[in-house]
C-alpha cells in the first residue's frame, strides 16, 4: 500500500477532504524562503488538532537550529517533522533526545547524483527520506513546492539502496504518478501543486490521483508490472 501525503494543506476543510479521499499524511507548510503553501504557525496547530489518529501530520520547517525546531514542533503538536533544508547530524541527534516519539523526515533535493551519497549519509539518523526537486544552493533557496520533476533514475537508486522508507515528491500529479510508481517504487508519494487549481485543493484532481495510485500500485506488485 503506497502512502500518499497531501501537502500544502491550507485549512481544516482541506485536511478533511484529503483524509476522506485516502491521504495517510498531511503536509503543513510553515515559513519558507520560497514556494507555495505556507500558513501561520497558529493555523498549523489548529489544523493538526483536528486530524484523527492514524493520519500523520508533517510540519514542513526550514529551520535548522534545534531550539527553533523544537519550539515550532511543541507549538504545533504535529507527530512528524519534515526538515526541508540540510540539517547537521548532531542536530538530528538532539532532536531525537528532545522530541521522543516525533518522527524525523529529511528532505534530499535531487539536483544531481550527489543526492545518492547525501541520502545514504542521513538515513541512519532519521525515520524516512523524502526526495524532492528543490535547489538549496539557489540565490533564494528552493526547498520544495517547485512543481518540477527530477531525475527519477537517481531516485530509484536511492530507493533500492536505502535503509529507510523513501517518499517521492516533485511535480507529481494524476497524469504521471503511475509512471513514477513504476520507475521509482517509493514507499510513499508527496504532492502539492499537481492537485491544486488557483491555489485551492481540487477534489476531482485528488480523486484521479488516488485512482492512478491504486492502479500503479497494483501494477508494481505484479511480476511483469502489468496490473491484473
Protein backbone atom coordinates (compact mmCIF):
# COMPACT_ATOMS: atom_id res chain seq x y z
CA UNK A 1 0.00 0.00 0.00
CA UNK A 2 1.67 3.19 -1.16
CA UNK A 3 1.29 6.05 1.30
CA UNK A 4 0.05 9.38 -0.02
CA UNK A 5 0.95 12.64 1.71
CA UNK A 6 -1.11 15.60 0.58
CA UNK A 7 0.98 18.70 1.19
CA UNK A 8 0.30 22.44 1.35
CA UNK A 9 -2.87 21.90 3.40
CA UNK A 10 -4.30 25.37 3.93
CA UNK A 11 -7.38 24.80 6.10
CA UNK A 12 -9.25 22.30 8.23
CA UNK A 13 -11.64 21.79 5.32
CA UNK A 14 -8.78 20.80 3.00
CA UNK A 15 -7.47 18.45 5.67
CA UNK A 16 -10.85 16.72 5.96
CA UNK A 17 -11.12 16.40 2.18
CA UNK A 18 -7.65 14.90 1.83
CA UNK A 19 -8.29 12.39 4.62
CA UNK A 20 -11.70 11.41 3.23
CA UNK A 21 -10.11 10.68 -0.15
CA UNK A 22 -7.40 8.47 1.29
CA UNK A 23 -4.43 10.58 2.38
CA UNK A 24 -2.33 8.86 5.02
CA UNK A 25 -0.43 12.05 5.85
CA UNK A 26 -0.91 15.80 5.63
CA UNK A 27 1.80 18.39 4.99
CA UNK A 28 1.55 21.70 6.85
CA UNK A 29 3.99 24.27 5.48
CA UNK A 30 5.49 26.87 7.79
CA UNK A 31 7.51 29.92 6.72
CA UNK A 32 9.72 29.21 3.70
CA UNK A 33 12.16 31.27 1.63
CA UNK A 34 10.11 30.48 -1.50
CA UNK A 35 7.37 28.23 -2.81
CA UNK A 36 3.63 27.76 -2.28
CA UNK A 37 1.57 26.78 0.71
CA UNK A 38 2.97 28.45 3.85
CA UNK A 39 0.45 29.22 6.56
CA UNK A 40 0.76 30.77 10.01
CA UNK A 41 2.03 28.59 12.83
CA UNK A 42 -1.22 29.12 14.75
CA UNK A 43 -3.21 27.77 11.79
CA UNK A 44 -0.89 24.76 11.57
CA UNK A 45 -1.59 23.98 15.23
CA UNK A 46 -5.33 24.39 14.76
CA UNK A 47 -5.42 22.04 11.75
CA UNK A 48 -3.19 19.45 13.45
CA UNK A 49 -5.51 19.34 16.47
CA UNK A 50 -8.37 18.17 14.26
CA UNK A 51 -6.53 15.36 12.50
CA UNK A 52 -7.67 11.89 13.64
CA UNK A 53 -5.27 9.23 14.95
CA UNK A 54 -3.66 7.20 12.22
CA UNK A 55 -3.07 10.15 9.90
CA UNK A 56 0.43 11.62 10.11
CA UNK A 57 0.81 15.38 10.47
CA UNK A 58 4.00 16.66 8.86
CA UNK A 59 5.30 20.09 9.83
CA UNK A 60 7.49 21.38 7.00
CA UNK A 61 10.15 23.55 8.56
CA UNK A 62 13.07 25.41 7.00
CA UNK A 63 14.66 25.95 10.40
CA UNK A 64 17.96 24.23 11.11
CA UNK A 65 18.68 25.22 14.72
CA UNK A 66 17.46 22.68 17.28
CA UNK A 67 15.92 25.20 19.70
CA UNK A 68 13.89 26.78 16.92
CA UNK A 69 12.72 23.43 15.55
CA UNK A 70 11.74 22.14 19.00
CA UNK A 71 9.85 25.35 19.76
CA UNK A 72 7.93 25.08 16.49
CA UNK A 73 7.01 21.42 17.00
CA UNK A 74 5.86 21.92 20.56
CA UNK A 75 3.58 24.75 19.47
CA UNK A 76 2.16 22.82 16.52
CA UNK A 77 1.91 19.42 18.26
CA UNK A 78 2.49 17.54 15.00
CA UNK A 79 3.75 13.97 15.04
CA UNK A 80 6.27 14.34 12.20
CA UNK A 81 8.93 16.91 11.32
CA UNK A 82 9.84 17.33 7.66
CA UNK A 83 13.22 19.04 7.55
CA UNK A 84 13.32 20.72 4.15
CA UNK A 85 16.86 22.09 4.42
CA UNK A 86 20.05 20.23 5.25
CA UNK A 87 20.34 19.64 8.98
CA UNK A 88 23.65 18.58 10.58
CA UNK A 89 23.68 15.10 12.11
CA UNK A 90 24.32 16.42 15.66
CA UNK A 91 21.10 18.44 15.35
CA UNK A 92 19.21 15.29 14.37
CA UNK A 93 20.62 13.53 17.44
CA UNK A 94 19.49 16.41 19.65
CA UNK A 95 16.00 16.40 18.13
CA UNK A 96 15.75 12.69 18.87
CA UNK A 97 16.55 13.33 22.52
CA UNK A 98 14.29 16.34 22.97
CA UNK A 99 11.32 15.17 20.90
CA UNK A 100 10.82 11.49 21.69
CA UNK A 101 8.04 9.96 19.64
CA UNK A 102 8.23 12.60 16.91
CA UNK A 103 9.26 11.17 13.54
CA UNK A 104 12.03 12.87 11.57
CA UNK A 105 11.86 13.03 7.78
CA UNK A 106 14.84 14.58 5.97
CA UNK A 107 14.32 16.09 2.54
CA UNK A 108 17.02 15.38 -0.03
CA UNK A 109 16.81 17.57 -3.11
CA UNK A 110 17.72 15.56 -6.20
CA UNK A 111 19.78 18.09 -8.13
CA UNK A 112 22.34 15.56 -9.37
CA UNK A 113 23.89 12.23 -8.37
CA UNK A 114 25.34 13.71 -5.19
CA UNK A 115 21.85 13.15 -3.77
CA UNK A 116 22.63 9.42 -3.55
CA UNK A 117 25.52 9.99 -1.16
CA UNK A 118 23.53 12.58 0.79
CA UNK A 119 20.62 10.19 1.29
CA UNK A 120 22.93 7.36 2.35
CA UNK A 121 24.67 9.58 4.92
CA UNK A 122 21.50 10.86 6.58
CA UNK A 123 19.42 7.65 6.53
CA UNK A 124 20.70 6.16 9.82
CA UNK A 125 19.63 9.28 11.71
CA UNK A 126 16.04 9.75 10.51
CA UNK A 127 12.82 7.76 10.15
CA UNK A 128 12.34 8.42 6.44
CA UNK A 129 13.76 10.33 3.48
CA UNK A 130 11.78 12.49 1.08
CA UNK A 131 13.18 13.12 -2.39
CA UNK A 132 12.20 16.49 -3.84
CA UNK A 133 13.10 18.82 -6.70
CA UNK A 134 14.32 21.93 -4.94
CA UNK A 135 17.67 23.67 -5.09
CA UNK A 136 19.10 24.61 -1.68
CA UNK A 137 22.05 26.40 -3.31
CA UNK A 138 19.95 28.85 -5.35
CA UNK A 139 20.26 32.55 -4.51
CA UNK A 140 16.78 32.27 -3.00
CA UNK A 141 16.62 28.74 -1.66
CA UNK A 142 14.12 26.40 -3.30
CA UNK A 143 13.15 23.93 -0.60
CA UNK A 144 10.10 22.34 -2.20
CA UNK A 145 6.88 23.15 -3.99
CA UNK A 146 8.58 23.80 -7.32
CA UNK A 147 6.16 21.70 -9.37
CA UNK A 148 9.15 20.22 -11.20
CA UNK A 149 10.07 16.58 -11.57
CA UNK A 150 13.68 15.45 -11.19
CA UNK A 151 15.73 12.52 -12.45
CA UNK A 152 13.70 9.52 -11.30
CA UNK A 153 16.54 7.16 -12.16
CA UNK A 154 18.54 8.72 -9.34
CA UNK A 155 15.53 8.41 -7.06
CA UNK A 156 15.16 4.76 -7.99
CA UNK A 157 18.78 4.10 -7.00
CA UNK A 158 18.19 5.77 -3.64
CA UNK A 159 15.04 3.73 -3.02
CA UNK A 160 16.82 0.48 -3.87
CA UNK A 161 19.74 1.15 -1.53
CA UNK A 162 18.03 3.00 1.31
CA UNK A 163 17.70 1.52 4.78
CA UNK A 164 14.77 3.85 5.44
CA UNK A 165 11.38 4.38 3.74
CA UNK A 166 11.57 6.87 0.87
CA UNK A 167 8.87 9.30 -0.23
CA UNK A 168 8.92 10.72 -3.75
CA UNK A 169 7.91 14.35 -4.34
CA UNK A 170 8.34 16.89 -7.12
CA UNK A 171 5.90 17.60 -9.92
CA UNK A 172 3.62 14.64 -9.25
CA UNK A 173 0.03 14.64 -10.48
CA UNK A 174 -2.67 12.36 -11.89
CA UNK A 175 -1.01 12.23 -15.31
CA UNK A 176 2.41 10.97 -14.23
CA UNK A 177 2.04 9.23 -10.89
CA UNK A 178 1.57 5.72 -12.32
CA UNK A 179 4.81 6.14 -14.27
CA UNK A 180 6.53 7.45 -11.14
CA UNK A 181 5.45 4.38 -9.16
CA UNK A 182 6.62 2.02 -11.90
CA UNK A 183 10.00 3.67 -12.26
CA UNK A 184 10.86 4.58 -8.66
CA UNK A 185 8.88 2.15 -6.46
CA UNK A 186 8.75 4.55 -3.50
CA UNK A 187 7.29 3.86 -0.06
CA UNK A 188 5.16 6.99 -0.35
CA UNK A 189 4.20 9.90 -2.58
CA UNK A 190 4.05 13.59 -1.72
CA UNK A 191 2.21 16.16 -3.79
CA UNK A 192 1.04 19.75 -3.70
CA UNK A 193 0.69 21.76 -6.92
CA UNK A 194 -0.38 18.78 -9.04
CA UNK A 195 -3.80 18.66 -7.36
CA UNK A 196 -4.39 22.38 -6.94
CA UNK A 197 -6.23 24.86 -9.12
CA UNK A 198 -5.76 28.57 -8.42
CA UNK A 199 -4.18 27.63 -5.11
CA UNK A 200 -7.09 25.53 -3.89
CA UNK A 201 -7.21 21.79 -3.37
CA UNK A 202 -9.02 20.31 -6.39
CA UNK A 203 -11.11 17.37 -5.18
CA UNK A 204 -11.57 15.92 -8.66
CA UNK A 205 -7.82 16.02 -9.30
CA UNK A 206 -7.14 14.29 -5.99
CA UNK A 207 -9.70 11.58 -6.79
CA UNK A 208 -7.98 11.00 -10.14
CA UNK A 209 -4.60 10.92 -8.42
CA UNK A 210 -5.74 8.33 -5.89
CA UNK A 211 -7.23 6.19 -8.65
CA UNK A 212 -3.93 6.30 -10.54
CA UNK A 213 -2.02 5.43 -7.36
CA UNK A 214 -4.24 2.38 -6.85
CA UNK A 215 -3.68 1.26 -10.44
CA UNK A 216 0.04 1.97 -10.35
CA UNK A 217 0.46 0.23 -7.02
CA UNK A 218 -1.35 -2.87 -8.25
CA UNK A 219 0.85 -2.99 -11.35
CA UNK A 220 4.00 -2.59 -9.27
CA UNK A 221 3.03 -5.64 -7.19
CA UNK A 222 2.78 -7.98 -10.19
CA UNK A 223 5.96 -9.68 -11.52
CA UNK A 224 5.65 -8.26 -15.02
CA UNK A 225 4.49 -4.83 -13.93
CA UNK A 226 1.12 -5.28 -15.60
CA UNK A 227 -1.96 -4.79 -13.48
CA UNK A 228 -4.18 -7.91 -13.30
